[in-house]
Protein backbone atom coordinates (compact mmCIF):
# COMPACT_ATOMS: atom_id res chain seq x y z
CA MET A 1 -16.52 -22.47 -9.54
CA THR A 2 -18.22 -23.32 -6.24
CA THR A 3 -16.68 -22.13 -2.99
CA ILE A 4 -17.39 -24.15 0.16
CA LEU A 5 -16.39 -22.57 3.44
CA ILE A 6 -15.33 -25.07 6.13
CA THR A 7 -15.17 -23.62 9.62
CA GLY A 8 -13.14 -25.53 12.18
CA ALA A 9 -11.03 -26.81 9.31
CA ALA A 10 -8.04 -27.52 11.55
CA GLY A 11 -9.98 -30.02 13.66
CA GLU A 12 -10.23 -33.78 13.25
CA VAL A 13 -13.36 -33.75 11.08
CA GLY A 14 -12.17 -30.72 9.13
CA THR A 15 -8.85 -32.40 8.37
CA ALA A 16 -10.65 -35.48 7.10
CA LEU A 17 -12.88 -33.37 4.87
CA ARG A 18 -9.86 -31.63 3.38
CA GLN A 19 -8.53 -35.03 2.40
CA GLN A 20 -11.70 -36.75 1.15
CA LEU A 21 -14.58 -34.31 0.54
CA ARG A 22 -13.85 -33.94 -3.19
CA ASP A 23 -14.24 -37.70 -3.66
CA PHE A 24 -17.97 -37.28 -3.05
CA LEU A 25 -18.77 -33.90 -4.58
CA PRO A 26 -20.60 -33.80 -7.94
CA ALA A 27 -18.54 -33.10 -11.01
CA GLY A 28 -17.36 -29.52 -11.17
CA GLU A 29 -14.74 -27.14 -9.86
CA TYR A 30 -14.68 -26.51 -6.13
CA THR A 31 -12.64 -24.29 -3.91
CA LEU A 32 -12.45 -25.29 -0.26
CA ARG A 33 -12.08 -22.15 1.82
CA LEU A 34 -10.59 -23.24 5.12
CA SER A 35 -11.25 -21.26 8.26
CA ASP A 36 -10.07 -21.69 11.84
CA HIS A 37 -8.30 -19.66 14.53
CA ARG A 38 -5.64 -22.39 14.66
CA ASP A 39 -2.84 -23.15 12.21
CA LEU A 40 -4.19 -24.64 8.99
CA GLY A 41 -0.83 -25.54 7.48
CA GLU A 42 -0.01 -25.30 3.79
CA THR A 43 -2.75 -25.22 1.20
CA ALA A 44 -3.26 -27.90 -1.43
CA PRO A 45 -4.55 -27.16 -4.94
CA GLY A 46 -8.14 -25.96 -4.76
CA GLU A 47 -7.79 -24.71 -1.18
CA GLU A 48 -7.59 -21.20 0.23
CA LEU A 49 -7.25 -19.94 3.77
CA ALA A 50 -9.56 -17.55 5.60
CA PRO A 51 -8.49 -17.49 9.25
CA ALA A 52 -11.26 -16.35 11.58
CA ASP A 53 -12.26 -16.46 15.21
CA LEU A 54 -15.92 -17.48 15.45
CA THR A 55 -16.45 -15.08 18.34
CA ASP A 56 -15.59 -12.11 16.09
CA MET A 57 -18.43 -11.26 13.71
CA ALA A 58 -16.26 -9.08 11.47
CA GLN A 59 -13.78 -11.91 10.94
CA VAL A 60 -16.58 -14.35 10.12
CA GLN A 61 -18.12 -11.88 7.68
CA ALA A 62 -14.80 -11.48 5.93
CA ALA A 63 -14.38 -15.26 5.59
CA MET A 64 -17.91 -15.56 4.18
CA GLN A 65 -17.46 -13.27 1.17
CA GLY A 66 -18.03 -15.07 -2.14
CA VAL A 67 -19.08 -18.34 -0.48
CA ASP A 68 -21.72 -20.65 -1.99
CA ALA A 69 -22.16 -23.15 0.86
CA VAL A 70 -20.90 -23.61 4.41
CA ILE A 71 -19.86 -26.67 6.41
CA HIS A 72 -19.89 -25.35 9.96
CA LEU A 73 -17.65 -27.58 12.07
CA GLY A 74 -16.11 -24.84 14.20
CA GLY A 75 -16.56 -24.69 17.94
CA ILE A 76 -15.55 -26.37 21.17
CA ALA A 77 -16.03 -30.11 20.58
CA ASN A 78 -16.37 -31.08 24.23
CA GLU A 79 -17.94 -29.90 27.45
CA HIS A 80 -16.65 -26.63 28.91
CA THR A 81 -17.93 -23.86 31.14
CA TYR A 82 -21.27 -22.39 30.16
CA GLU A 83 -19.62 -19.06 29.34
CA ARG A 84 -17.10 -20.58 26.91
CA ILE A 85 -19.73 -22.77 25.28
CA ARG A 86 -22.02 -19.76 24.87
CA ASP A 87 -19.32 -17.50 23.43
CA VAL A 88 -17.82 -19.99 20.97
CA ASN A 89 -20.51 -22.50 20.09
CA MET A 90 -23.70 -20.48 20.42
CA ASP A 91 -22.64 -16.95 19.50
CA GLY A 92 -20.21 -18.40 16.95
CA THR A 93 -22.99 -20.30 15.21
CA TYR A 94 -25.12 -17.17 15.14
CA HIS A 95 -22.24 -15.30 13.53
CA VAL A 96 -21.90 -17.99 10.85
CA LEU A 97 -25.61 -18.10 10.02
CA GLU A 98 -26.05 -14.34 10.06
CA ALA A 99 -22.98 -13.76 7.90
CA ALA A 100 -24.23 -16.44 5.50
CA ARG A 101 -27.60 -14.71 5.28
CA GLN A 102 -26.01 -11.34 4.64
CA VAL A 103 -24.06 -12.55 1.59
CA GLY A 104 -26.81 -14.79 0.21
CA VAL A 105 -25.41 -18.25 1.02
CA GLN A 106 -28.20 -20.77 0.47
CA ARG A 107 -26.95 -23.89 2.26
CA VAL A 108 -25.34 -24.51 5.65
CA ALA A 109 -24.41 -27.98 6.91
CA PHE A 110 -24.05 -27.91 10.68
CA ALA A 111 -21.98 -30.28 12.79
CA SER A 112 -24.44 -31.13 15.54
CA SER A 113 -23.99 -34.00 17.97
CA ILE A 114 -25.36 -37.11 19.63
CA HIS A 115 -25.16 -35.02 22.79
CA THR A 116 -28.37 -33.23 21.75
CA VAL A 117 -30.07 -36.50 22.76
CA GLY A 118 -27.43 -37.94 25.07
CA PHE A 119 -29.78 -38.87 27.90
CA TYR A 120 -31.82 -41.28 25.79
CA PRO A 121 -31.41 -44.98 26.57
CA ARG A 122 -29.26 -47.04 24.22
CA GLU A 123 -32.02 -48.03 21.82
CA PRO A 124 -32.97 -46.75 18.36
CA ILE A 125 -34.32 -43.22 18.15
CA GLY A 126 -35.12 -41.02 15.18
CA PRO A 127 -34.23 -37.39 14.48
CA ASP A 128 -37.65 -36.12 15.54
CA VAL A 129 -37.58 -37.22 19.19
CA PRO A 130 -37.63 -34.40 21.79
CA VAL A 131 -34.10 -33.28 22.59
CA ARG A 132 -32.41 -34.47 25.81
CA PRO A 133 -29.03 -32.72 25.92
CA ASP A 134 -26.50 -34.07 28.37
CA THR A 135 -24.16 -31.08 28.80
CA TYR A 136 -23.79 -27.37 28.03
CA TYR A 137 -22.08 -28.64 24.88
CA GLY A 138 -25.20 -30.62 23.98
CA VAL A 139 -27.35 -27.56 24.70
CA SER A 140 -25.21 -25.53 22.30
CA LYS A 141 -25.96 -28.02 19.53
CA VAL A 142 -29.68 -27.89 20.33
CA PHE A 143 -29.37 -24.10 20.07
CA GLY A 144 -27.63 -24.39 16.71
CA GLU A 145 -30.37 -26.62 15.34
CA ALA A 146 -33.09 -24.29 16.61
CA LEU A 147 -31.31 -21.26 15.17
CA GLY A 148 -30.98 -23.08 11.85
CA ARG A 149 -34.70 -23.83 11.88
CA MET A 150 -35.45 -20.14 12.38
CA TYR A 151 -33.12 -19.11 9.54
CA VAL A 152 -34.85 -21.59 7.25
CA ASP A 153 -38.34 -20.35 8.08
CA ARG A 154 -37.55 -16.65 8.39
CA PHE A 155 -34.92 -16.14 5.71
CA GLY A 156 -35.18 -19.10 3.31
CA LEU A 157 -31.80 -20.61 4.14
CA GLU A 158 -31.38 -24.38 3.71
CA PHE A 159 -29.92 -26.14 6.73
CA VAL A 160 -28.78 -29.71 7.32
CA SER A 161 -27.90 -30.71 10.86
CA VAL A 162 -25.60 -33.73 11.07
CA ARG A 163 -25.69 -35.23 14.56
CA ILE A 164 -22.15 -36.58 14.69
CA CYS A 165 -21.83 -39.45 17.13
CA SER A 166 -18.27 -40.81 17.41
CA PHE A 167 -15.93 -39.63 14.67
CA GLN A 168 -12.83 -41.86 14.83
CA PRO A 169 -10.42 -43.49 12.37
CA GLN A 170 -11.86 -46.77 13.71
CA PRO A 171 -13.96 -47.88 16.70
CA ARG A 172 -12.09 -47.88 20.00
CA ASP A 173 -14.63 -49.41 22.40
CA ALA A 174 -17.99 -51.20 22.56
CA ARG A 175 -20.01 -47.96 22.45
CA HIS A 176 -18.47 -47.11 19.10
CA LEU A 177 -20.03 -50.23 17.58
CA SER A 178 -23.25 -48.18 17.65
CA THR A 179 -21.95 -44.62 17.28
CA TRP A 180 -18.94 -44.74 14.94
CA LEU A 181 -18.64 -42.35 12.00
CA SER A 182 -15.72 -43.19 9.74
CA PRO A 183 -13.71 -40.46 7.98
CA ARG A 184 -14.84 -41.46 4.49
CA ASP A 185 -18.49 -41.69 5.56
CA ALA A 186 -18.16 -38.26 7.19
CA ALA A 187 -16.80 -36.87 3.92
CA GLN A 188 -19.64 -38.40 1.93
CA LEU A 189 -22.28 -37.23 4.41
CA PHE A 190 -21.12 -33.61 4.47
CA ALA A 191 -20.66 -33.57 0.69
CA ARG A 192 -24.26 -34.70 0.29
CA ALA A 193 -25.39 -32.22 2.95
CA VAL A 194 -24.15 -29.24 0.91
CA THR A 195 -25.12 -30.50 -2.55
CA ALA A 196 -28.38 -32.49 -2.34
CA PRO A 197 -31.24 -30.46 -3.81
CA ASP A 198 -34.20 -29.02 -1.93
CA VAL A 199 -33.46 -30.11 1.61
CA GLY A 200 -35.12 -27.23 3.46
CA PHE A 201 -34.47 -28.08 7.10
CA LEU A 202 -33.17 -31.55 7.86
CA VAL A 203 -31.67 -33.37 10.85
CA VAL A 204 -29.83 -36.63 10.21
CA ALA A 205 -27.75 -39.13 12.15
CA GLY A 206 -24.01 -38.66 11.69
CA ILE A 207 -22.95 -42.30 11.80
CA SER A 208 -21.68 -45.01 9.52
CA GLY A 209 -23.88 -47.94 8.49
CA ASN A 210 -23.40 -49.63 11.84
CA THR A 211 -25.35 -52.84 12.42
CA ARG A 212 -25.85 -51.88 16.09
CA ARG A 213 -26.66 -48.18 15.54
CA TRP A 214 -28.89 -46.36 18.01
CA MET A 215 -29.92 -43.64 15.57
CA THR A 216 -32.27 -44.44 12.71
CA PRO A 217 -31.47 -43.37 9.13
CA GLU A 218 -34.37 -41.02 8.36
CA GLY A 219 -33.19 -38.31 5.98
CA TRP A 220 -30.27 -40.23 4.55
CA ASP A 221 -32.37 -40.94 1.45
CA VAL A 222 -33.09 -37.22 1.03
CA LEU A 223 -29.37 -36.55 0.90
CA GLY A 224 -28.45 -39.66 -1.07
CA TYR A 225 -26.09 -40.74 1.71
CA GLU A 226 -25.09 -44.40 1.49
CA PRO A 227 -22.53 -45.25 4.19
CA GLN A 228 -19.72 -47.53 3.16
CA ASP A 229 -18.46 -48.59 6.59
CA ASP A 230 -19.87 -50.65 9.48
CA ALA A 231 -18.33 -50.73 12.95
CA GLU A 232 -19.32 -54.39 13.19
CA ASP A 233 -16.17 -55.23 11.26
CA TYR A 234 -14.25 -54.27 14.42
CA ALA A 235 -16.49 -56.05 16.94
CA PRO A 236 -14.03 -58.82 17.85
CA GLN A 237 -11.43 -56.23 18.83
CA VAL A 238 -13.60 -53.83 20.85
CA GLU A 239 -16.89 -55.31 22.06
CA HIS A 240 -15.30 -56.33 25.38
CA LEU A 241 -14.10 -52.76 26.02
CA HIS A 242 -16.78 -51.14 28.16
CA GLY A 243 -17.46 -49.95 31.69
CA ASP A 244 -19.77 -51.17 34.44
CA PRO A 245 -23.16 -51.95 32.82
CA SER A 246 -24.93 -50.64 35.96
CA ASP A 247 -23.38 -47.17 35.55
CA ILE A 248 -25.51 -44.50 33.84
CA THR A 249 -22.65 -43.76 31.45
CA GLU A 250 -23.10 -47.28 30.05
CA GLN A 251 -26.89 -46.97 29.84
CA ARG A 252 -27.31 -43.69 27.97
CA GLN A 253 -26.32 -42.69 24.47
CA GLY A 254 -24.09 -39.81 25.58
CA GLY A 255 -21.63 -42.04 27.44
CA ILE A 256 -19.33 -40.20 29.83
CA PHE A 257 -21.07 -36.90 29.04
CA VAL A 258 -24.11 -37.94 31.11
CA ASP A 259 -22.03 -38.19 34.28
CA SER A 260 -22.99 -35.18 36.44
CA THR A 261 -19.35 -34.71 37.42
CA TYR A 262 -18.04 -34.58 33.84
CA THR A 263 -16.65 -31.14 33.02
CA GLY A 264 -14.68 -31.87 29.85
CA LEU A 265 -12.26 -29.06 29.06
CA ALA A 266 -13.37 -26.75 31.88
CA GLY A 267 -10.34 -25.83 33.94
CA LYS A 268 -7.97 -27.39 31.39
CA GLU A 269 -7.78 -24.58 28.86
CA GLY A 270 -8.80 -21.01 28.46
């Protein structure tokens, strides 16, 4: 029996993984241990609940007991104040990695983001370009990747960073023709990220097989990820949906996040 802890399991990506992750896992018996500070609903066969607040190390340690691999999705998935981003996304990721180290977990797949490189122009870039975060949120994902790198080198953990671009049921605007990640491709990608052998430290693009993608596919072969979806199928419906081409938000990969006035959730929630 293999136990995979999913943090942030009540979120949009976590919900999709609950539904589809097993379709892409190798043969065997798996328990999905679902963790979040929000309501996770009723469990399905092969699921168990481990509620935890990422800002509380003791709660994270308790959720980590008996775990074989971690898919770390938990955190604030938008811009917020620096203090909230630090407490939840940065300290929370430290808590996950340190708790994983303490119990001997060997593999962590980390939900990173396009916002680590959001200020790059809309042209193909690989995972090894210097980071250009567009927000405190983007900085928190850079921090998570750097912390993962240290845990790999210092403690022998294996760490796969998936730079999720635009996770949606289907593309909703022209930008998504380049950045879309479909639910079933997300499930395949994270399944490969926790089961592919000998990955060491790896950063990969979290997108579907989009014809117009801005991120190149280095590392997909290491994981064995073969996307099944392409946003181009939706081009006739969405390619006309975009803003002013002269605006910086239409010129950079991070979209609205690169606007200096964008504050996301700051002031909207605690």
